[in-house]
């Protein structure tokens, strides 16, 4: 496919969600002690918000290789490396923010 067709396809069928990490605890040696965006993740546009959150969660967890090398990820974290997404972190879908709960996602 040519570049114009691929861009049109992506604009119609994909969207980008933001993954935001919240600190586990305040750490004096870090420059960031508040929630900060670590990645943008491409997800299929037709899915529910919860399904988009689940894809973002899976793609920002290290399983076999470090997660920031996963396809569909744009890493924007403040450090060269980053922990995996976990309970207490957030996913921004459009203007709706979801918190990763012990089980599932909570709209905040």
N, C-alpha and C. Protein backbone atom coordinates (compact mmCIF):
# COMPACT_ATOMS: atom_id res chain seq x y z
N UNK A 1 0.84 -1.20 0.00
CA UNK A 1 0.00 0.00 0.00
C UNK A 1 0.88 1.25 0.00
N UNK A 2 0.36 2.28 -0.61
CA UNK A 2 1.17 3.50 -0.59
C UNK A 2 0.95 4.25 0.73
N UNK A 3 1.80 5.21 1.00
CA UNK A 3 1.79 5.93 2.28
C UNK A 3 0.47 6.65 2.53
N UNK A 4 -0.11 7.27 1.51
CA UNK A 4 -1.36 8.01 1.68
C UNK A 4 -2.50 7.08 2.09
N UNK A 5 -2.56 5.90 1.48
CA UNK A 5 -3.60 4.93 1.84
C UNK A 5 -3.42 4.44 3.27
N UNK A 6 -2.17 4.18 3.68
CA UNK A 6 -1.91 3.71 5.04
C UNK A 6 -2.30 4.77 6.07
N UNK A 7 -1.99 6.02 5.82
CA UNK A 7 -2.37 7.10 6.75
C UNK A 7 -3.88 7.22 6.84
N UNK A 8 -4.57 7.09 5.70
CA UNK A 8 -6.03 7.16 5.70
C UNK A 8 -6.61 5.98 6.48
N UNK A 9 -6.06 4.78 6.28
CA UNK A 9 -6.50 3.59 7.00
C UNK A 9 -6.34 3.80 8.51
N UNK A 10 -5.18 4.27 8.92
CA UNK A 10 -4.92 4.46 10.35
C UNK A 10 -5.84 5.51 10.95
N UNK A 11 -6.14 6.58 10.21
CA UNK A 11 -7.02 7.62 10.72
C UNK A 11 -8.45 7.10 10.90
N UNK A 12 -8.85 6.17 10.06
CA UNK A 12 -10.22 5.65 10.12
C UNK A 12 -10.35 4.55 11.17
N UNK A 13 -9.36 3.66 11.28
CA UNK A 13 -9.51 2.46 12.07
C UNK A 13 -8.70 2.41 13.37
N UNK A 14 -7.79 3.35 13.56
CA UNK A 14 -6.96 3.32 14.77
C UNK A 14 -7.06 4.63 15.52
N UNK A 15 -6.80 4.57 16.80
CA UNK A 15 -6.66 5.78 17.61
C UNK A 15 -5.52 5.56 18.60
N UNK A 16 -5.10 6.63 19.21
CA UNK A 16 -3.99 6.57 20.16
C UNK A 16 -4.50 6.89 21.55
N UNK A 17 -4.12 6.06 22.52
CA UNK A 17 -4.43 6.33 23.92
C UNK A 17 -3.12 6.61 24.65
N UNK A 18 -3.21 7.33 25.75
CA UNK A 18 -2.02 7.67 26.54
C UNK A 18 -1.97 6.80 27.79
N UNK A 19 -0.79 6.32 28.13
CA UNK A 19 -0.57 5.57 29.36
C UNK A 19 0.17 6.48 30.33
N UNK A 20 -0.40 6.62 31.52
CA UNK A 20 0.12 7.55 32.53
C UNK A 20 0.48 6.75 33.77
N UNK A 21 1.73 6.83 34.19
CA UNK A 21 2.17 6.13 35.39
C UNK A 21 2.09 7.05 36.60
N UNK A 22 1.51 6.53 37.67
CA UNK A 22 1.47 7.23 38.94
C UNK A 22 2.60 6.67 39.80
N UNK A 23 3.29 7.52 40.57
CA UNK A 23 4.37 6.98 41.41
C UNK A 23 3.81 6.08 42.51
N UNK A 24 4.54 5.02 42.82
CA UNK A 24 4.13 4.13 43.91
C UNK A 24 4.26 4.86 45.25
N UNK A 25 5.29 5.67 45.36
CA UNK A 25 5.53 6.47 46.57
C UNK A 25 6.45 7.61 46.18
N UNK A 26 6.47 8.66 46.96
CA UNK A 26 7.36 9.78 46.66
C UNK A 26 8.80 9.36 46.85
N UNK A 27 9.62 9.64 45.86
CA UNK A 27 11.03 9.29 45.90
C UNK A 27 11.84 10.55 45.68
N UNK A 28 12.59 11.01 46.68
CA UNK A 28 13.30 12.28 46.57
C UNK A 28 14.28 12.38 45.41
N UNK A 29 14.88 11.26 44.97
CA UNK A 29 15.88 11.33 43.91
C UNK A 29 15.28 11.36 42.50
N UNK A 30 13.95 11.33 42.39
CA UNK A 30 13.32 11.40 41.08
C UNK A 30 12.87 12.83 40.79
N UNK A 31 12.94 13.22 39.52
CA UNK A 31 12.47 14.55 39.12
C UNK A 31 10.95 14.59 39.02
N UNK A 32 10.31 13.45 39.01
CA UNK A 32 8.86 13.39 38.88
C UNK A 32 8.27 12.58 40.03
N UNK A 33 7.39 13.19 40.79
CA UNK A 33 6.70 12.50 41.87
C UNK A 33 5.19 12.66 41.72
N UNK A 34 4.77 12.91 40.50
CA UNK A 34 3.35 13.00 40.19
C UNK A 34 3.11 12.15 38.95
N UNK A 35 1.86 11.87 38.63
CA UNK A 35 1.60 11.07 37.42
C UNK A 35 2.25 11.70 36.19
N UNK A 36 2.77 10.86 35.29
CA UNK A 36 3.43 11.35 34.08
C UNK A 36 3.18 10.37 32.94
N UNK A 37 3.01 10.92 31.77
CA UNK A 37 2.77 10.11 30.57
C UNK A 37 4.05 9.37 30.20
N UNK A 38 3.91 8.07 29.94
CA UNK A 38 5.07 7.27 29.56
C UNK A 38 4.97 6.74 28.14
N UNK A 39 3.75 6.66 27.59
CA UNK A 39 3.63 6.09 26.25
C UNK A 39 2.31 6.47 25.60
N UNK A 40 2.35 6.43 24.28
CA UNK A 40 1.14 6.50 23.47
C UNK A 40 1.02 5.15 22.78
N UNK A 41 -0.18 4.58 22.81
CA UNK A 41 -0.40 3.23 22.29
C UNK A 41 -1.49 3.27 21.23
N UNK A 42 -1.21 2.68 20.07
CA UNK A 42 -2.22 2.57 19.02
C UNK A 42 -3.16 1.42 19.36
N UNK A 43 -4.47 1.70 19.25
CA UNK A 43 -5.49 0.70 19.51
C UNK A 43 -6.55 0.78 18.41
N UNK A 44 -7.26 -0.31 18.15
CA UNK A 44 -8.35 -0.25 17.18
C UNK A 44 -9.46 0.68 17.68
N UNK A 45 -9.95 1.53 16.81
CA UNK A 45 -10.93 2.55 17.17
C UNK A 45 -12.28 1.95 17.55
N UNK A 46 -12.65 0.81 16.98
CA UNK A 46 -13.99 0.25 17.18
C UNK A 46 -14.20 -0.43 18.54
N UNK A 47 -13.14 -0.63 19.31
CA UNK A 47 -13.25 -1.33 20.59
C UNK A 47 -13.86 -0.46 21.68
N UNK A 48 -14.34 -1.10 22.74
CA UNK A 48 -14.84 -0.36 23.90
C UNK A 48 -13.66 0.27 24.64
N UNK A 49 -13.93 1.25 25.48
CA UNK A 49 -12.86 1.88 26.27
C UNK A 49 -12.12 0.85 27.11
N UNK A 50 -12.86 -0.06 27.73
CA UNK A 50 -12.19 -1.07 28.57
C UNK A 50 -11.27 -1.95 27.75
N UNK A 51 -11.68 -2.33 26.54
CA UNK A 51 -10.82 -3.14 25.68
C UNK A 51 -9.58 -2.36 25.27
N UNK A 52 -9.72 -1.07 25.01
CA UNK A 52 -8.58 -0.23 24.67
C UNK A 52 -7.60 -0.14 25.85
N UNK A 53 -8.15 -0.01 27.05
CA UNK A 53 -7.32 0.02 28.26
C UNK A 53 -6.55 -1.29 28.42
N UNK A 54 -7.22 -2.40 28.17
CA UNK A 54 -6.58 -3.71 28.30
C UNK A 54 -5.43 -3.86 27.30
N UNK A 55 -5.63 -3.41 26.07
CA UNK A 55 -4.56 -3.48 25.07
C UNK A 55 -3.39 -2.61 25.51
N UNK A 56 -3.68 -1.39 25.98
CA UNK A 56 -2.61 -0.50 26.44
C UNK A 56 -1.86 -1.13 27.61
N UNK A 57 -2.59 -1.76 28.52
CA UNK A 57 -1.97 -2.43 29.67
C UNK A 57 -1.04 -3.54 29.20
N UNK A 58 -1.53 -4.40 28.32
CA UNK A 58 -0.72 -5.52 27.84
C UNK A 58 0.52 -5.05 27.09
N UNK A 59 0.34 -4.03 26.25
CA UNK A 59 1.47 -3.55 25.45
C UNK A 59 2.51 -2.79 26.27
N UNK A 60 2.14 -2.36 27.48
CA UNK A 60 3.10 -1.63 28.33
C UNK A 60 3.52 -2.47 29.53
N UNK A 61 3.57 -3.78 29.31
CA UNK A 61 4.11 -4.71 30.29
C UNK A 61 5.19 -5.54 29.64
N UNK A 62 6.30 -5.70 30.33
CA UNK A 62 7.41 -6.49 29.82
C UNK A 62 7.12 -7.96 30.06
N UNK A 63 7.13 -8.74 28.97
CA UNK A 63 6.89 -10.17 29.08
C UNK A 63 8.12 -10.91 28.55
N UNK A 64 8.35 -10.86 27.25
CA UNK A 64 9.54 -11.49 26.68
C UNK A 64 10.62 -10.48 26.33
N UNK A 65 10.21 -9.26 26.04
CA UNK A 65 11.14 -8.20 25.70
C UNK A 65 10.63 -6.92 26.34
N UNK A 66 11.51 -5.95 26.55
CA UNK A 66 11.08 -4.70 27.19
C UNK A 66 9.91 -4.10 26.42
N UNK A 67 8.93 -3.60 27.15
CA UNK A 67 7.66 -3.22 26.54
C UNK A 67 7.76 -2.04 25.58
N UNK A 68 8.70 -1.11 25.79
CA UNK A 68 8.76 0.08 24.95
C UNK A 68 9.23 -0.23 23.53
N UNK A 69 9.58 -1.49 23.28
CA UNK A 69 9.93 -1.93 21.92
C UNK A 69 8.75 -2.59 21.22
N UNK A 70 7.61 -2.72 21.90
CA UNK A 70 6.43 -3.35 21.30
C UNK A 70 5.90 -2.53 20.13
N UNK A 71 5.32 -3.22 19.16
CA UNK A 71 4.71 -2.56 18.01
C UNK A 71 3.53 -1.71 18.45
N UNK A 72 3.40 -0.54 17.86
CA UNK A 72 2.28 0.33 18.18
C UNK A 72 2.51 1.19 19.41
N UNK A 73 3.73 1.23 19.91
CA UNK A 73 4.08 2.00 21.10
C UNK A 73 4.96 3.18 20.72
N UNK A 74 4.64 4.35 21.25
CA UNK A 74 5.55 5.49 21.18
C UNK A 74 5.92 5.80 22.62
N UNK A 75 7.15 5.50 22.99
CA UNK A 75 7.62 5.71 24.36
C UNK A 75 8.01 7.17 24.57
N UNK A 76 7.49 7.79 25.61
CA UNK A 76 7.78 9.20 25.91
C UNK A 76 8.14 9.40 27.39
N UNK A 77 8.50 8.31 28.06
CA UNK A 77 8.84 8.39 29.47
C UNK A 77 10.03 9.28 29.75
N UNK A 78 10.15 9.73 31.00
CA UNK A 78 11.22 10.65 31.36
C UNK A 78 12.60 9.99 31.50
N UNK A 79 12.65 8.67 31.54
CA UNK A 79 13.92 7.94 31.70
C UNK A 79 14.18 7.07 30.47
N UNK A 80 15.37 6.49 30.38
CA UNK A 80 15.69 5.60 29.27
C UNK A 80 14.92 4.28 29.35
N UNK A 81 14.57 3.88 30.57
CA UNK A 81 13.80 2.66 30.77
C UNK A 81 12.58 2.98 31.62
N UNK A 82 11.69 2.01 31.75
CA UNK A 82 10.45 2.29 32.48
C UNK A 82 9.86 0.98 33.01
N UNK A 83 9.25 1.07 34.17
CA UNK A 83 8.58 -0.11 34.73
C UNK A 83 7.33 -0.42 33.91
N UNK A 84 6.75 -1.56 34.14
CA UNK A 84 5.51 -1.94 33.49
C UNK A 84 4.32 -1.22 34.12
N UNK A 85 3.25 -1.11 33.35
CA UNK A 85 2.02 -0.51 33.85
C UNK A 85 1.43 -1.42 34.92
N UNK A 86 0.85 -0.80 35.96
CA UNK A 86 0.41 -1.55 37.12
C UNK A 86 -0.84 -0.92 37.73
N UNK A 87 -1.37 -1.56 38.76
CA UNK A 87 -2.50 -1.03 39.51
C UNK A 87 -2.17 0.38 39.98
N UNK A 88 -3.13 1.29 39.80
CA UNK A 88 -2.94 2.68 40.21
C UNK A 88 -2.52 3.59 39.07
N UNK A 89 -2.10 3.02 37.94
CA UNK A 89 -1.74 3.80 36.77
C UNK A 89 -3.01 4.12 35.98
N UNK A 90 -2.86 4.94 34.93
CA UNK A 90 -4.02 5.43 34.19
C UNK A 90 -3.85 5.22 32.69
N UNK A 91 -5.01 5.17 32.01
CA UNK A 91 -5.05 5.20 30.55
C UNK A 91 -6.05 6.29 30.17
N UNK A 92 -5.63 7.18 29.29
CA UNK A 92 -6.47 8.26 28.80
C UNK A 92 -6.98 7.87 27.42
N UNK A 93 -8.32 7.70 27.32
CA UNK A 93 -8.98 7.35 26.06
C UNK A 93 -9.82 8.56 25.67
N UNK A 94 -9.38 9.30 24.67
CA UNK A 94 -10.05 10.56 24.35
C UNK A 94 -9.91 11.50 25.53
N UNK A 95 -11.04 11.95 26.07
CA UNK A 95 -11.00 12.81 27.26
C UNK A 95 -11.45 12.07 28.51
N UNK A 96 -11.51 10.73 28.44
CA UNK A 96 -11.91 9.90 29.58
C UNK A 96 -10.67 9.23 30.17
N UNK A 97 -10.53 9.37 31.49
CA UNK A 97 -9.36 8.83 32.18
C UNK A 97 -9.78 7.63 33.02
N UNK A 98 -9.07 6.51 32.84
CA UNK A 98 -9.37 5.28 33.56
C UNK A 98 -8.20 4.91 34.46
N UNK A 99 -8.53 4.50 35.67
CA UNK A 99 -7.51 4.05 36.62
C UNK A 99 -7.49 2.53 36.62
N UNK A 100 -6.29 1.97 36.58
CA UNK A 100 -6.12 0.53 36.64
C UNK A 100 -6.42 0.07 38.07
N UNK A 101 -7.47 -0.68 38.24
CA UNK A 101 -7.87 -1.18 39.56
C UNK A 101 -7.28 -2.59 39.76
N UNK A 102 -7.47 -3.12 40.95
CA UNK A 102 -6.99 -4.47 41.23
C UNK A 102 -7.57 -5.45 40.22
N UNK A 103 -8.83 -5.23 39.85
CA UNK A 103 -9.49 -6.00 38.78
C UNK A 103 -10.22 -5.00 37.91
N UNK A 104 -9.83 -4.85 36.67
CA UNK A 104 -10.54 -4.00 35.73
C UNK A 104 -10.10 -2.54 35.80
N UNK A 105 -10.99 -1.66 35.30
CA UNK A 105 -10.71 -0.26 35.13
C UNK A 105 -11.82 0.59 35.74
N UNK A 106 -11.44 1.71 36.37
CA UNK A 106 -12.40 2.62 36.99
C UNK A 106 -12.31 3.97 36.29
N UNK A 107 -13.44 4.50 35.83
CA UNK A 107 -13.48 5.82 35.23
C UNK A 107 -13.27 6.86 36.34
N UNK A 108 -12.32 7.78 36.13
CA UNK A 108 -12.06 8.82 37.14
C UNK A 108 -12.35 10.19 36.58
